[in-house]
Amino acid sequence: MTTSTRSSVDWQKVDSILESYEYKKSNLIAILQRIQEEFRYLPEDIMTYIGTKIKDLSPATVYGVATFYAQFSLEPKGKYVVKCCDGTACHVRGSMPVYTSLKQRFGLEDGSFTSKDGLFTVETVSCLGACGLAPVVVINEKVYPQMTTDAMKIIIDTILAEEKEG
């Protein structure tokens, strides 16, 4: 598990998030969602902190919730999360060449999913629920249907150009 260094965390921001949810145990999932939105993942030291700040909660419970739900990540994610569907319809219609080309483009070796510049995270998902549009790629909740390696290259080039402008 990757951990952040205590000095690199904006602890006032963490406290502000906890305060906005009234330090309630019943708000744990919402708190973790906000922490992940803020930091792009759930750092171990923040989960430990949450477990010590909320009454009747332990760091182990926070970690258990964070690892139970697939929506949470214990590793930093890029600004752009690229989800390539590898469900049956997408796989049969060529999603894996798209995924492979993305991993190659960002220099992602086996076991790494986020580009060195922290801009892109590339991952597969079992189904995006859009089989009629296969193969499907989702980037930060925007759906790209009938994806090909050439089309994906254009989309990534466009994102990179916007990043330079922006």
N, C-alpha and C. Protein backbone atom coordinates (compact mmCIF):
# COMPACT_ATOMS: atom_id res chain seq x y z
N MET A 1 0.84 -1.18 0.00
CA MET A 1 0.00 0.00 0.00
C MET A 1 0.88 1.24 0.00
N THR A 2 0.51 2.22 -0.80
CA THR A 2 1.24 3.48 -0.85
C THR A 2 0.76 4.37 0.28
N THR A 3 1.67 5.03 0.95
CA THR A 3 1.27 5.95 1.99
C THR A 3 1.79 7.33 1.65
N SER A 4 1.04 8.34 2.04
CA SER A 4 1.51 9.70 1.86
C SER A 4 2.36 10.06 3.07
N THR A 5 3.19 11.04 2.91
CA THR A 5 3.96 11.50 4.06
C THR A 5 3.11 12.49 4.82
N ARG A 6 3.15 12.42 6.12
CA ARG A 6 2.30 13.27 6.95
C ARG A 6 2.48 14.74 6.61
N SER A 7 3.68 15.15 6.26
CA SER A 7 3.91 16.57 6.00
C SER A 7 3.29 17.03 4.68
N SER A 8 3.04 16.10 3.74
CA SER A 8 2.49 16.50 2.44
C SER A 8 0.97 16.59 2.43
N VAL A 9 0.33 16.21 3.52
CA VAL A 9 -1.12 16.22 3.58
C VAL A 9 -1.59 17.57 4.14
N ASP A 10 -2.61 18.12 3.52
CA ASP A 10 -3.25 19.33 4.03
C ASP A 10 -4.23 18.90 5.12
N TRP A 11 -3.74 18.84 6.34
CA TRP A 11 -4.54 18.33 7.45
C TRP A 11 -5.72 19.24 7.77
N GLN A 12 -5.60 20.52 7.49
CA GLN A 12 -6.74 21.43 7.68
C GLN A 12 -7.88 21.04 6.74
N LYS A 13 -7.52 20.63 5.52
CA LYS A 13 -8.53 20.19 4.56
C LYS A 13 -9.21 18.91 5.06
N VAL A 14 -8.43 17.99 5.60
CA VAL A 14 -9.00 16.75 6.14
C VAL A 14 -9.95 17.07 7.28
N ASP A 15 -9.51 17.93 8.20
CA ASP A 15 -10.36 18.32 9.32
C ASP A 15 -11.63 19.02 8.84
N SER A 16 -11.51 19.83 7.82
CA SER A 16 -12.66 20.53 7.26
C SER A 16 -13.68 19.53 6.70
N ILE A 17 -13.19 18.51 6.01
CA ILE A 17 -14.07 17.47 5.48
C ILE A 17 -14.76 16.73 6.61
N LEU A 18 -13.99 16.33 7.63
CA LEU A 18 -14.57 15.63 8.78
C LEU A 18 -15.63 16.50 9.47
N GLU A 19 -15.33 17.77 9.62
CA GLU A 19 -16.26 18.70 10.27
C GLU A 19 -17.54 18.84 9.45
N SER A 20 -17.40 18.90 8.12
CA SER A 20 -18.59 19.06 7.28
C SER A 20 -19.52 17.86 7.38
N TYR A 21 -18.98 16.72 7.78
CA TYR A 21 -19.80 15.52 7.99
C TYR A 21 -20.01 15.25 9.48
N GLU A 22 -19.75 16.26 10.28
CA GLU A 22 -20.02 16.25 11.73
C GLU A 22 -19.34 15.10 12.47
N TYR A 23 -18.21 14.62 11.95
CA TYR A 23 -17.45 13.55 12.59
C TYR A 23 -18.32 12.34 12.91
N LYS A 24 -19.32 12.08 12.08
CA LYS A 24 -20.26 10.98 12.33
C LYS A 24 -19.81 9.71 11.64
N LYS A 25 -19.87 8.63 12.39
CA LYS A 25 -19.55 7.31 11.88
C LYS A 25 -20.45 6.94 10.70
N SER A 26 -21.71 7.36 10.77
CA SER A 26 -22.68 7.04 9.71
C SER A 26 -22.35 7.73 8.39
N ASN A 27 -21.45 8.71 8.43
CA ASN A 27 -21.06 9.42 7.22
C ASN A 27 -19.72 8.94 6.65
N LEU A 28 -19.23 7.81 7.13
CA LEU A 28 -17.90 7.35 6.75
C LEU A 28 -17.72 7.22 5.23
N ILE A 29 -18.68 6.62 4.55
CA ILE A 29 -18.52 6.44 3.10
C ILE A 29 -18.46 7.80 2.40
N ALA A 30 -19.32 8.72 2.79
CA ALA A 30 -19.30 10.06 2.19
C ALA A 30 -17.97 10.76 2.50
N ILE A 31 -17.46 10.59 3.69
CA ILE A 31 -16.17 11.17 4.06
C ILE A 31 -15.06 10.61 3.18
N LEU A 32 -15.05 9.29 3.02
CA LEU A 32 -14.02 8.66 2.18
C LEU A 32 -14.14 9.11 0.72
N GLN A 33 -15.36 9.28 0.25
CA GLN A 33 -15.55 9.77 -1.12
C GLN A 33 -14.95 11.16 -1.28
N ARG A 34 -15.19 12.04 -0.32
CA ARG A 34 -14.65 13.40 -0.39
C ARG A 34 -13.13 13.41 -0.27
N ILE A 35 -12.59 12.56 0.61
CA ILE A 35 -11.13 12.47 0.76
C ILE A 35 -10.52 12.01 -0.57
N GLN A 36 -11.12 10.99 -1.16
CA GLN A 36 -10.60 10.48 -2.44
C GLN A 36 -10.72 11.53 -3.54
N GLU A 37 -11.81 12.26 -3.55
CA GLU A 37 -11.98 13.33 -4.54
C GLU A 37 -10.88 14.38 -4.37
N GLU A 38 -10.55 14.69 -3.15
CA GLU A 38 -9.55 15.72 -2.85
C GLU A 38 -8.13 15.26 -3.17
N PHE A 39 -7.79 14.02 -2.79
CA PHE A 39 -6.41 13.54 -2.90
C PHE A 39 -6.20 12.55 -4.04
N ARG A 40 -7.28 12.17 -4.76
CA ARG A 40 -7.28 11.19 -5.85
C ARG A 40 -7.03 9.75 -5.40
N TYR A 41 -6.99 9.54 -4.11
CA TYR A 41 -6.92 8.20 -3.52
C TYR A 41 -7.09 8.35 -2.02
N LEU A 42 -7.04 7.23 -1.29
CA LEU A 42 -7.17 7.25 0.17
C LEU A 42 -5.83 6.92 0.80
N PRO A 43 -5.07 7.94 1.18
CA PRO A 43 -3.78 7.69 1.83
C PRO A 43 -3.97 7.00 3.18
N GLU A 44 -3.08 6.07 3.48
CA GLU A 44 -3.17 5.28 4.71
C GLU A 44 -3.16 6.17 5.95
N ASP A 45 -2.31 7.19 5.97
CA ASP A 45 -2.24 8.02 7.17
C ASP A 45 -3.52 8.82 7.38
N ILE A 46 -4.21 9.16 6.32
CA ILE A 46 -5.49 9.86 6.47
C ILE A 46 -6.55 8.90 6.99
N MET A 47 -6.56 7.67 6.49
CA MET A 47 -7.53 6.68 7.00
C MET A 47 -7.30 6.44 8.49
N THR A 48 -6.04 6.34 8.89
CA THR A 48 -5.73 6.16 10.31
C THR A 48 -6.23 7.36 11.11
N TYR A 49 -5.99 8.54 10.60
CA TYR A 49 -6.43 9.77 11.26
C TYR A 49 -7.94 9.80 11.43
N ILE A 50 -8.67 9.45 10.38
CA ILE A 50 -10.13 9.41 10.44
C ILE A 50 -10.58 8.45 11.52
N GLY A 51 -9.93 7.29 11.59
CA GLY A 51 -10.28 6.29 12.58
C GLY A 51 -10.04 6.72 14.01
N THR A 52 -9.15 7.68 14.21
CA THR A 52 -8.91 8.19 15.56
C THR A 52 -9.77 9.41 15.89
N LYS A 53 -10.30 10.08 14.87
CA LYS A 53 -11.07 11.30 15.08
C LYS A 53 -12.57 11.08 15.23
N ILE A 54 -13.07 9.99 14.69
CA ILE A 54 -14.51 9.73 14.75
C ILE A 54 -14.79 8.74 15.88
N LYS A 55 -15.72 9.13 16.74
CA LYS A 55 -16.08 8.31 17.90
C LYS A 55 -16.60 6.95 17.46
N ASP A 56 -16.21 5.93 18.20
CA ASP A 56 -16.64 4.54 17.96
C ASP A 56 -16.20 4.00 16.60
N LEU A 57 -15.07 4.49 16.12
CA LEU A 57 -14.52 4.03 14.86
C LEU A 57 -13.04 3.75 15.07
N SER A 58 -12.53 2.76 14.37
CA SER A 58 -11.10 2.46 14.47
C SER A 58 -10.46 2.60 13.10
N PRO A 59 -9.15 2.80 13.07
CA PRO A 59 -8.47 2.82 11.77
C PRO A 59 -8.71 1.54 10.97
N ALA A 60 -8.78 0.40 11.66
CA ALA A 60 -9.01 -0.87 10.97
C ALA A 60 -10.38 -0.89 10.28
N THR A 61 -11.38 -0.31 10.92
CA THR A 61 -12.72 -0.24 10.32
C THR A 61 -12.71 0.65 9.09
N VAL A 62 -12.03 1.78 9.18
CA VAL A 62 -11.94 2.70 8.04
C VAL A 62 -11.27 1.97 6.87
N TYR A 63 -10.16 1.28 7.16
CA TYR A 63 -9.44 0.53 6.13
C TYR A 63 -10.34 -0.57 5.55
N GLY A 64 -11.09 -1.24 6.41
CA GLY A 64 -11.99 -2.30 5.95
C GLY A 64 -13.03 -1.80 4.98
N VAL A 65 -13.62 -0.64 5.28
CA VAL A 65 -14.61 -0.04 4.38
C VAL A 65 -13.93 0.38 3.07
N ALA A 66 -12.76 0.98 3.18
CA ALA A 66 -12.05 1.46 1.99
C ALA A 66 -11.65 0.32 1.06
N THR A 67 -11.35 -0.84 1.62
CA THR A 67 -10.94 -1.97 0.78
C THR A 67 -12.12 -2.82 0.33
N PHE A 68 -13.27 -2.67 0.98
CA PHE A 68 -14.44 -3.45 0.60
C PHE A 68 -15.07 -2.91 -0.68
N TYR A 69 -15.14 -1.60 -0.83
CA TYR A 69 -15.81 -0.99 -1.97
C TYR A 69 -14.83 -0.73 -3.11
N ALA A 70 -15.19 -1.21 -4.29
CA ALA A 70 -14.31 -1.07 -5.46
C ALA A 70 -14.12 0.38 -5.90
N GLN A 71 -15.01 1.26 -5.49
CA GLN A 71 -14.90 2.67 -5.89
C GLN A 71 -13.72 3.37 -5.24
N PHE A 72 -13.20 2.79 -4.17
CA PHE A 72 -12.09 3.43 -3.46
C PHE A 72 -10.75 2.88 -3.93
N SER A 73 -9.76 3.75 -3.93
CA SER A 73 -8.42 3.36 -4.35
C SER A 73 -7.41 3.70 -3.25
N LEU A 74 -6.53 2.77 -2.99
CA LEU A 74 -5.46 2.99 -2.01
C LEU A 74 -4.19 3.46 -2.70
N GLU A 75 -4.24 3.58 -4.00
CA GLU A 75 -3.10 4.05 -4.79
C GLU A 75 -3.52 5.33 -5.50
N PRO A 76 -2.59 6.26 -5.68
CA PRO A 76 -2.92 7.51 -6.38
C PRO A 76 -3.41 7.24 -7.80
N LYS A 77 -4.42 8.00 -8.19
CA LYS A 77 -4.95 7.90 -9.55
C LYS A 77 -4.65 9.19 -10.29
N GLY A 78 -4.62 9.08 -11.59
CA GLY A 78 -4.36 10.24 -12.43
C GLY A 78 -5.53 11.21 -12.47
N LYS A 79 -5.27 12.36 -13.02
CA LYS A 79 -6.31 13.36 -13.20
C LYS A 79 -7.40 12.81 -14.13
N TYR A 80 -6.97 11.99 -15.10
CA TYR A 80 -7.89 11.35 -16.03
C TYR A 80 -7.85 9.85 -15.80
N VAL A 81 -9.00 9.29 -15.42
CA VAL A 81 -9.09 7.84 -15.21
C VAL A 81 -9.77 7.25 -16.45
N VAL A 82 -9.00 6.43 -17.16
CA VAL A 82 -9.46 5.82 -18.41
C VAL A 82 -9.86 4.38 -18.09
N LYS A 83 -11.14 4.10 -18.23
CA LYS A 83 -11.66 2.76 -17.95
C LYS A 83 -12.00 2.07 -19.26
N CYS A 84 -11.30 0.99 -19.53
CA CYS A 84 -11.54 0.19 -20.74
C CYS A 84 -12.37 -1.02 -20.36
N CYS A 85 -13.52 -1.15 -20.97
CA CYS A 85 -14.37 -2.30 -20.69
C CYS A 85 -13.76 -3.56 -21.30
N ASP A 86 -13.70 -4.62 -20.50
CA ASP A 86 -13.25 -5.91 -21.04
C ASP A 86 -14.33 -6.98 -20.88
N GLY A 87 -15.58 -6.51 -20.78
CA GLY A 87 -16.70 -7.44 -20.76
C GLY A 87 -16.79 -8.17 -22.09
N THR A 88 -17.63 -9.17 -22.16
CA THR A 88 -17.69 -10.02 -23.35
C THR A 88 -17.91 -9.24 -24.64
N ALA A 89 -18.92 -8.38 -24.70
CA ALA A 89 -19.21 -7.65 -25.94
C ALA A 89 -18.03 -6.76 -26.33
N CYS A 90 -17.46 -6.05 -25.37
CA CYS A 90 -16.34 -5.16 -25.68
C CYS A 90 -15.09 -5.95 -26.07
N HIS A 91 -14.86 -7.03 -25.35
CA HIS A 91 -13.69 -7.86 -25.65
C HIS A 91 -13.76 -8.41 -27.08
N VAL A 92 -14.92 -8.95 -27.43
CA VAL A 92 -15.11 -9.54 -28.76
C VAL A 92 -14.95 -8.48 -29.85
N ARG A 93 -15.32 -7.24 -29.55
CA ARG A 93 -15.26 -6.16 -30.55
C ARG A 93 -13.96 -5.36 -30.49
N GLY A 94 -12.98 -5.85 -29.73
CA GLY A 94 -11.64 -5.26 -29.82
C GLY A 94 -11.21 -4.28 -28.74
N SER A 95 -11.71 -4.44 -27.52
CA SER A 95 -11.31 -3.52 -26.46
C SER A 95 -9.86 -3.71 -26.00
N MET A 96 -9.36 -4.93 -26.08
CA MET A 96 -8.01 -5.19 -25.54
C MET A 96 -6.92 -4.50 -26.35
N PRO A 97 -6.98 -4.40 -27.67
CA PRO A 97 -5.97 -3.61 -28.37
C PRO A 97 -5.98 -2.13 -27.95
N VAL A 98 -7.15 -1.60 -27.65
CA VAL A 98 -7.25 -0.21 -27.18
C VAL A 98 -6.55 -0.09 -25.84
N TYR A 99 -6.84 -1.00 -24.93
CA TYR A 99 -6.22 -1.02 -23.60
C TYR A 99 -4.70 -1.16 -23.71
N THR A 100 -4.26 -2.10 -24.53
CA THR A 100 -2.82 -2.33 -24.70
C THR A 100 -2.13 -1.10 -25.28
N SER A 101 -2.76 -0.45 -26.24
CA SER A 101 -2.15 0.75 -26.84
C SER A 101 -2.05 1.88 -25.81
N LEU A 102 -3.02 2.01 -24.94
CA LEU A 102 -2.96 3.03 -23.89
C LEU A 102 -1.83 2.74 -22.90
N LYS A 103 -1.72 1.48 -22.50
CA LYS A 103 -0.64 1.11 -21.56
C LYS A 103 0.73 1.40 -22.21
N GLN A 104 0.87 1.08 -23.48
CA GLN A 104 2.13 1.36 -24.18
C GLN A 104 2.39 2.85 -24.30
N ARG A 105 1.36 3.60 -24.64
CA ARG A 105 1.53 5.05 -24.82
C ARG A 105 2.02 5.73 -23.54
N PHE A 106 1.50 5.29 -22.41
CA PHE A 106 1.86 5.91 -21.14
C PHE A 106 3.01 5.21 -20.44
N GLY A 107 3.61 4.22 -21.11
CA GLY A 107 4.77 3.53 -20.54
C GLY A 107 4.44 2.75 -19.28
N LEU A 108 3.25 2.17 -19.25
CA LEU A 108 2.81 1.44 -18.06
C LEU A 108 3.26 -0.02 -18.16
N GLU A 109 4.14 -0.38 -17.27
CA GLU A 109 4.64 -1.76 -17.21
C GLU A 109 3.62 -2.60 -16.44
N ASP A 110 3.82 -3.92 -16.44
CA ASP A 110 2.93 -4.79 -15.67
C ASP A 110 2.87 -4.31 -14.23
N GLY A 111 1.65 -4.18 -13.72
CA GLY A 111 1.47 -3.79 -12.34
C GLY A 111 1.35 -2.29 -12.11
N SER A 112 1.67 -1.47 -13.10
CA SER A 112 1.48 -0.03 -12.93
C SER A 112 0.32 0.42 -13.79
N PHE A 113 -0.45 1.35 -13.27
CA PHE A 113 -1.65 1.79 -13.96
C PHE A 113 -1.70 3.30 -14.16
N THR A 114 -0.82 4.04 -13.48
CA THR A 114 -0.84 5.50 -13.55
C THR A 114 0.45 5.99 -14.19
N SER A 115 0.30 6.92 -15.13
CA SER A 115 1.46 7.46 -15.83
C SER A 115 2.37 8.19 -14.85
N LYS A 116 3.65 8.24 -15.18
CA LYS A 116 4.64 8.85 -14.29
C LYS A 116 4.33 10.32 -13.98
N ASP A 117 3.71 11.02 -14.93
CA ASP A 117 3.36 12.42 -14.69
C ASP A 117 2.08 12.58 -13.86
N GLY A 118 1.44 11.45 -13.52
CA GLY A 118 0.24 11.48 -12.70
C GLY A 118 -1.00 11.97 -13.42
N LEU A 119 -0.92 12.06 -14.74
CA LEU A 119 -2.04 12.60 -15.50
C LEU A 119 -3.09 11.54 -15.84
N PHE A 120 -2.65 10.32 -16.18
CA PHE A 120 -3.57 9.28 -16.63
C PHE A 120 -3.45 8.01 -15.80
N THR A 121 -4.59 7.44 -15.46
CA THR A 121 -4.67 6.10 -14.90
C THR A 121 -5.47 5.27 -15.90
N VAL A 122 -4.95 4.11 -16.26
CA VAL A 122 -5.62 3.23 -17.22
C VAL A 122 -5.96 1.94 -16.51
N GLU A 123 -7.24 1.56 -16.57
CA GLU A 123 -7.67 0.33 -15.91
C GLU A 123 -8.76 -0.35 -16.73
N THR A 124 -8.93 -1.62 -16.47
CA THR A 124 -10.03 -2.35 -17.11
C THR A 124 -11.17 -2.49 -16.11
N VAL A 125 -12.37 -2.58 -16.64
CA VAL A 125 -13.55 -2.84 -15.83
C VAL A 125 -14.33 -3.97 -16.49
N SER A 126 -15.03 -4.74 -15.69
CA SER A 126 -15.71 -5.92 -16.21
C SER A 126 -16.89 -5.60 -17.11
N CYS A 127 -17.59 -4.51 -16.83
CA CYS A 127 -18.72 -4.13 -17.68
C CYS A 127 -19.08 -2.69 -17.38
N LEU A 128 -19.31 -1.93 -18.42
CA LEU A 128 -19.75 -0.54 -18.26
C LEU A 128 -21.24 -0.39 -18.56
N GLY A 129 -21.89 -1.51 -18.88
CA GLY A 129 -23.33 -1.48 -19.12
C GLY A 129 -23.73 -0.82 -20.42
N ALA A 130 -22.85 -0.83 -21.39
CA ALA A 130 -23.14 -0.20 -22.68
C ALA A 130 -22.74 -1.15 -23.81
N CYS A 131 -23.17 -2.38 -23.70
CA CYS A 131 -22.74 -3.43 -24.64
C CYS A 131 -23.07 -3.10 -26.09
N GLY A 132 -24.17 -2.40 -26.33
CA GLY A 132 -24.55 -2.03 -27.69
C GLY A 132 -23.60 -1.01 -28.32
N LEU A 133 -22.77 -0.39 -27.50
CA LEU A 133 -21.82 0.62 -27.98
C LEU A 133 -20.39 0.08 -28.02
N ALA A 134 -20.25 -1.21 -27.81
CA ALA A 134 -18.93 -1.83 -27.66
C ALA A 134 -18.04 -1.63 -28.88
N PRO A 135 -16.73 -1.54 -28.63
CA PRO A 135 -16.07 -1.45 -27.33
C PRO A 135 -16.15 -0.04 -26.76
N VAL A 136 -16.32 0.03 -25.45
CA VAL A 136 -16.54 1.30 -24.77
C VAL A 136 -15.36 1.64 -23.86
N VAL A 137 -15.02 2.93 -23.86
CA VAL A 137 -14.03 3.48 -22.94
C VAL A 137 -14.70 4.65 -22.24
N VAL A 138 -14.46 4.78 -20.94
CA VAL A 138 -14.97 5.91 -20.17
C VAL A 138 -13.77 6.66 -19.61
N ILE A 139 -13.76 7.97 -19.82
CA ILE A 139 -12.72 8.82 -19.24
C ILE A 139 -13.42 9.84 -18.36
N ASN A 140 -13.17 9.74 -17.07
CA ASN A 140 -13.79 10.65 -16.09
C ASN A 140 -15.29 10.79 -16.33
N GLU A 141 -15.96 9.68 -16.44
CA GLU A 141 -17.41 9.61 -16.57
C GLU A 141 -17.94 9.97 -17.96
N LYS A 142 -17.09 10.34 -18.90
CA LYS A 142 -17.55 10.60 -20.27
C LYS A 142 -17.38 9.31 -21.08
N VAL A 143 -18.43 8.89 -21.75
CA VAL A 143 -18.46 7.62 -22.48
C VAL A 143 -18.00 7.84 -23.92
N TYR A 144 -17.08 6.98 -24.34
CA TYR A 144 -16.60 6.99 -25.73
C TYR A 144 -16.96 5.64 -26.34
N PRO A 145 -17.96 5.61 -27.24
CA PRO A 145 -18.42 4.35 -27.82
C PRO A 145 -17.60 3.91 -29.02
N GLN A 146 -17.74 2.63 -29.37
CA GLN A 146 -17.14 2.04 -30.57
C GLN A 146 -15.69 2.48 -30.74
N MET A 147 -14.92 2.31 -29.68
CA MET A 147 -13.56 2.81 -29.63
C MET A 147 -12.61 1.94 -30.44
N THR A 148 -11.66 2.63 -31.07
CA THR A 148 -10.57 1.97 -31.80
C THR A 148 -9.26 2.57 -31.29
N THR A 149 -8.17 1.95 -31.61
CA THR A 149 -6.87 2.50 -31.18
C THR A 149 -6.63 3.86 -31.82
N ASP A 150 -7.00 4.05 -33.08
CA ASP A 150 -6.82 5.34 -33.75
C ASP A 150 -7.68 6.43 -33.11
N ALA A 151 -8.93 6.11 -32.84
CA ALA A 151 -9.83 7.08 -32.20
C ALA A 151 -9.34 7.43 -30.80
N MET A 152 -8.85 6.44 -30.08
CA MET A 152 -8.35 6.68 -28.72
C MET A 152 -7.13 7.60 -28.75
N LYS A 153 -6.27 7.42 -29.76
CA LYS A 153 -5.09 8.28 -29.90
C LYS A 153 -5.52 9.74 -30.07
N ILE A 154 -6.52 9.98 -30.89
CA ILE A 154 -7.02 11.34 -31.13
C ILE A 154 -7.59 11.93 -29.84
N ILE A 155 -8.34 11.15 -29.10
CA ILE A 155 -8.93 11.62 -27.84
C ILE A 155 -7.84 11.99 -26.85
N ILE A 156 -6.84 11.13 -26.70
CA ILE A 156 -5.74 11.41 -25.76
C ILE A 156 -4.95 12.63 -26.23
N ASP A 157 -4.68 12.73 -27.51
CA ASP A 157 -3.99 13.90 -28.05
C ASP A 157 -4.76 15.19 -27.73
N THR A 158 -6.08 15.14 -27.86
CA THR A 158 -6.92 16.30 -27.57
C THR A 158 -6.83 16.67 -26.08
N ILE A 159 -6.90 15.69 -25.22
CA ILE A 159 -6.78 15.94 -23.77
C ILE A 159 -5.43 16.56 -23.46
N LEU A 160 -4.37 16.01 -24.04
CA LEU A 160 -3.02 16.55 -23.79
C LEU A 160 -2.89 17.98 -24.30
N ALA A 161 -3.47 18.28 -25.46
CA ALA A 161 -3.44 19.64 -25.98
C ALA A 161 -4.18 20.61 -25.06
N GLU A 162 -5.31 20.17 -24.54
CA GLU A 162 -6.09 21.00 -23.60
C GLU A 162 -5.31 21.23 -22.31
N GLU A 163 -4.57 20.21 -21.87
CA GLU A 163 -3.73 20.33 -20.66
C GLU A 163 -2.65 21.38 -20.86
N LYS A 164 -2.05 21.41 -22.05
CA LYS A 164 -1.00 22.38 -22.33
C LYS A 164 -1.54 23.80 -22.35
N GLU A 165 -2.77 23.95 -22.86
CA GLU A 165 -3.40 25.26 -22.94
C GLU A 165 -3.80 25.76 -21.56
N GLY A 166 -4.15 24.82 -20.73
CA GLY A 166 -4.74 25.14 -19.57
C GLY A 166 -4.58 25.41 -18.26
